[in-house]
Amino acid sequence: MKNTEVTAVIDKTANNFSANVEELPGFVCTAKTLSELKEEVQKGIEFHLEGMKKDGNVIPKPFKGNYKVKYKLNTKK
């Protein structure tokens, strides 16, 4: 089965990095380094989806099967 791509948009601030996932409204995470951020995105998506399931929310279609996170640096600042 082919992985669906989801996009994590990365922003750089003075002190850290943050990311939101376009296909997962309400999801945001932060970390000190880019490599830490990528780890946090992976763990955070699963945690967010578990919470959505517990709350009875509809899981967005890209996350109903296999997915792969694509990272994109936000250059619109």
N, C-alpha and C. Protein backbone atom coordinates (compact mmCIF):
# COMPACT_ATOMS: atom_id res chain seq x y z
N MET A 1 0.84 -1.18 0.00
CA MET A 1 0.00 0.00 0.00
C MET A 1 0.88 1.25 0.00
N LYS A 2 0.55 2.21 -0.82
CA LYS A 2 1.31 3.44 -0.94
C LYS A 2 1.06 4.34 0.27
N ASN A 3 2.14 4.98 0.75
CA ASN A 3 2.01 5.94 1.84
C ASN A 3 1.43 7.25 1.33
N THR A 4 0.51 7.82 2.10
CA THR A 4 0.00 9.14 1.82
C THR A 4 0.97 10.15 2.41
N GLU A 5 1.30 11.20 1.67
CA GLU A 5 2.20 12.22 2.20
C GLU A 5 1.39 13.28 2.95
N VAL A 6 1.88 13.63 4.13
CA VAL A 6 1.34 14.76 4.88
C VAL A 6 2.47 15.76 5.05
N THR A 7 2.14 17.03 5.17
CA THR A 7 3.16 18.07 5.19
C THR A 7 3.26 18.73 6.55
N ALA A 8 4.48 18.70 7.10
CA ALA A 8 4.78 19.44 8.33
C ALA A 8 5.49 20.72 7.92
N VAL A 9 4.88 21.85 8.22
CA VAL A 9 5.46 23.14 7.89
C VAL A 9 6.28 23.62 9.08
N ILE A 10 7.56 23.87 8.84
CA ILE A 10 8.49 24.24 9.90
C ILE A 10 8.73 25.74 9.90
N ASP A 11 8.67 26.31 11.10
CA ASP A 11 9.01 27.72 11.31
C ASP A 11 10.20 27.80 12.24
N LYS A 12 11.09 28.74 12.00
CA LYS A 12 12.24 28.98 12.88
C LYS A 12 11.97 30.25 13.66
N THR A 13 12.10 30.17 14.98
CA THR A 13 11.97 31.36 15.82
C THR A 13 13.34 31.68 16.40
N ALA A 14 13.43 32.68 17.22
CA ALA A 14 14.71 33.06 17.82
C ALA A 14 15.28 31.95 18.68
N ASN A 15 14.42 31.17 19.33
CA ASN A 15 14.89 30.18 20.30
C ASN A 15 14.66 28.72 19.94
N ASN A 16 13.82 28.45 18.94
CA ASN A 16 13.51 27.05 18.64
C ASN A 16 12.90 26.91 17.25
N PHE A 17 12.43 25.70 16.99
CA PHE A 17 11.71 25.39 15.76
C PHE A 17 10.30 24.96 16.15
N SER A 18 9.34 25.24 15.29
CA SER A 18 7.98 24.75 15.50
C SER A 18 7.48 24.16 14.20
N ALA A 19 6.47 23.30 14.33
CA ALA A 19 5.90 22.68 13.13
C ALA A 19 4.41 22.48 13.32
N ASN A 20 3.67 22.68 12.25
CA ASN A 20 2.27 22.29 12.23
C ASN A 20 2.09 21.37 11.03
N VAL A 21 1.09 20.51 11.13
CA VAL A 21 0.84 19.57 10.04
C VAL A 21 -0.44 20.01 9.34
N GLU A 22 -0.30 20.35 8.07
CA GLU A 22 -1.41 20.93 7.31
C GLU A 22 -2.66 20.07 7.33
N GLU A 23 -2.50 18.76 7.30
CA GLU A 23 -3.64 17.85 7.22
C GLU A 23 -4.22 17.48 8.58
N LEU A 24 -3.66 18.07 9.66
CA LEU A 24 -4.09 17.73 11.02
C LEU A 24 -4.33 19.02 11.81
N PRO A 25 -5.49 19.65 11.60
CA PRO A 25 -5.79 20.92 12.26
C PRO A 25 -5.62 20.82 13.78
N GLY A 26 -5.00 21.86 14.35
CA GLY A 26 -4.80 21.91 15.78
C GLY A 26 -3.50 21.30 16.26
N PHE A 27 -2.76 20.66 15.37
CA PHE A 27 -1.50 20.04 15.76
C PHE A 27 -0.34 21.02 15.61
N VAL A 28 0.40 21.23 16.69
CA VAL A 28 1.60 22.06 16.69
C VAL A 28 2.60 21.44 17.66
N CYS A 29 3.87 21.47 17.32
CA CYS A 29 4.88 21.05 18.29
C CYS A 29 6.13 21.91 18.12
N THR A 30 6.96 21.91 19.16
CA THR A 30 8.18 22.70 19.15
C THR A 30 9.35 21.87 19.66
N ALA A 31 10.57 22.31 19.32
CA ALA A 31 11.78 21.66 19.80
C ALA A 31 12.95 22.62 19.60
N LYS A 32 14.03 22.36 20.31
CA LYS A 32 15.23 23.21 20.22
C LYS A 32 15.98 23.04 18.91
N THR A 33 16.03 21.81 18.38
CA THR A 33 16.76 21.56 17.14
C THR A 33 15.84 20.96 16.09
N LEU A 34 16.29 21.02 14.87
CA LEU A 34 15.50 20.48 13.76
C LEU A 34 15.35 18.96 13.88
N SER A 35 16.40 18.26 14.27
CA SER A 35 16.30 16.81 14.39
C SER A 35 15.35 16.42 15.53
N GLU A 36 15.39 17.17 16.64
CA GLU A 36 14.44 16.92 17.73
C GLU A 36 13.01 17.19 17.28
N LEU A 37 12.85 18.24 16.48
CA LEU A 37 11.51 18.58 16.00
C LEU A 37 10.93 17.45 15.16
N LYS A 38 11.73 16.88 14.29
CA LYS A 38 11.24 15.79 13.45
C LYS A 38 10.80 14.60 14.29
N GLU A 39 11.55 14.30 15.35
CA GLU A 39 11.15 13.22 16.26
C GLU A 39 9.83 13.56 16.95
N GLU A 40 9.72 14.81 17.41
CA GLU A 40 8.51 15.24 18.11
C GLU A 40 7.29 15.23 17.20
N VAL A 41 7.49 15.57 15.93
CA VAL A 41 6.37 15.54 14.98
C VAL A 41 5.85 14.10 14.87
N GLN A 42 6.74 13.15 14.70
CA GLN A 42 6.32 11.75 14.55
C GLN A 42 5.56 11.27 15.78
N LYS A 43 6.14 11.50 16.97
CA LYS A 43 5.48 11.07 18.21
C LYS A 43 4.21 11.86 18.45
N GLY A 44 4.27 13.15 18.17
CA GLY A 44 3.13 14.03 18.43
C GLY A 44 1.91 13.71 17.58
N ILE A 45 2.13 13.35 16.33
CA ILE A 45 1.00 12.99 15.46
C ILE A 45 0.25 11.81 16.06
N GLU A 46 0.99 10.78 16.46
CA GLU A 46 0.34 9.59 17.03
C GLU A 46 -0.42 9.95 18.31
N PHE A 47 0.18 10.76 19.15
CA PHE A 47 -0.47 11.18 20.39
C PHE A 47 -1.74 11.98 20.09
N HIS A 48 -1.65 12.89 19.13
CA HIS A 48 -2.79 13.72 18.73
C HIS A 48 -3.93 12.84 18.19
N LEU A 49 -3.58 11.88 17.35
CA LEU A 49 -4.60 11.00 16.77
C LEU A 49 -5.26 10.14 17.85
N GLU A 50 -4.48 9.66 18.82
CA GLU A 50 -5.06 8.88 19.92
C GLU A 50 -6.07 9.72 20.69
N GLY A 51 -5.72 10.98 20.95
CA GLY A 51 -6.64 11.88 21.65
C GLY A 51 -7.91 12.12 20.85
N MET A 52 -7.77 12.29 19.55
CA MET A 52 -8.93 12.49 18.70
C MET A 52 -9.85 11.28 18.75
N LYS A 53 -9.26 10.07 18.70
CA LYS A 53 -10.06 8.85 18.75
C LYS A 53 -10.80 8.75 20.08
N LYS A 54 -10.10 9.03 21.19
CA LYS A 54 -10.72 8.97 22.52
C LYS A 54 -11.89 9.95 22.64
N ASP A 55 -11.73 11.12 22.01
CA ASP A 55 -12.77 12.14 22.06
C ASP A 55 -13.89 11.90 21.06
N GLY A 56 -13.76 10.89 20.22
CA GLY A 56 -14.78 10.58 19.23
C GLY A 56 -14.74 11.45 18.00
N ASN A 57 -13.62 12.13 17.77
CA ASN A 57 -13.48 12.98 16.59
C ASN A 57 -13.16 12.15 15.35
N VAL A 58 -13.50 12.67 14.22
CA VAL A 58 -13.21 12.01 12.95
C VAL A 58 -11.73 12.17 12.64
N ILE A 59 -11.07 11.08 12.32
CA ILE A 59 -9.65 11.10 11.95
C ILE A 59 -9.56 11.54 10.49
N PRO A 60 -8.72 12.56 10.20
CA PRO A 60 -8.57 13.00 8.81
C PRO A 60 -8.13 11.85 7.91
N LYS A 61 -8.64 11.84 6.71
CA LYS A 61 -8.42 10.75 5.76
C LYS A 61 -6.95 10.35 5.59
N PRO A 62 -5.99 11.30 5.47
CA PRO A 62 -4.60 10.88 5.26
C PRO A 62 -4.05 10.00 6.39
N PHE A 63 -4.65 10.05 7.56
CA PHE A 63 -4.14 9.31 8.71
C PHE A 63 -4.88 8.00 8.96
N LYS A 64 -5.78 7.64 8.06
CA LYS A 64 -6.53 6.39 8.21
C LYS A 64 -5.75 5.20 7.69
N GLY A 65 -4.68 5.45 6.95
CA GLY A 65 -3.83 4.38 6.44
C GLY A 65 -2.38 4.71 6.74
N ASN A 66 -1.50 4.22 5.91
CA ASN A 66 -0.08 4.54 6.06
C ASN A 66 0.19 5.94 5.56
N TYR A 67 1.01 6.66 6.29
CA TYR A 67 1.35 8.02 5.87
C TYR A 67 2.84 8.27 6.10
N LYS A 68 3.35 9.25 5.37
CA LYS A 68 4.75 9.66 5.50
C LYS A 68 4.76 11.17 5.64
N VAL A 69 5.57 11.66 6.57
CA VAL A 69 5.65 13.11 6.80
C VAL A 69 6.70 13.71 5.89
N LYS A 70 6.28 14.75 5.17
CA LYS A 70 7.19 15.54 4.32
C LYS A 70 7.39 16.87 5.05
N TYR A 71 8.62 17.34 5.15
CA TYR A 71 8.91 18.58 5.88
C TYR A 71 9.14 19.71 4.88
N LYS A 72 8.56 20.87 5.22
CA LYS A 72 8.68 22.04 4.35
C LYS A 72 8.97 23.25 5.23
N LEU A 73 10.04 23.98 4.91
CA LEU A 73 10.38 25.17 5.67
C LEU A 73 9.50 26.34 5.22
N ASN A 74 8.88 27.01 6.19
CA ASN A 74 8.05 28.16 5.88
C ASN A 74 8.95 29.34 5.56
N THR A 75 8.85 29.83 4.34
CA THR A 75 9.69 30.96 3.91
C THR A 75 8.87 32.24 3.77
N LYS A 76 7.63 32.23 4.21
CA LYS A 76 6.74 33.39 4.06
C LYS A 76 6.77 34.26 5.31
N LYS A 77 7.92 34.77 5.66
CA LYS A 77 8.03 35.63 6.85
C LYS A 77 8.65 36.93 6.51
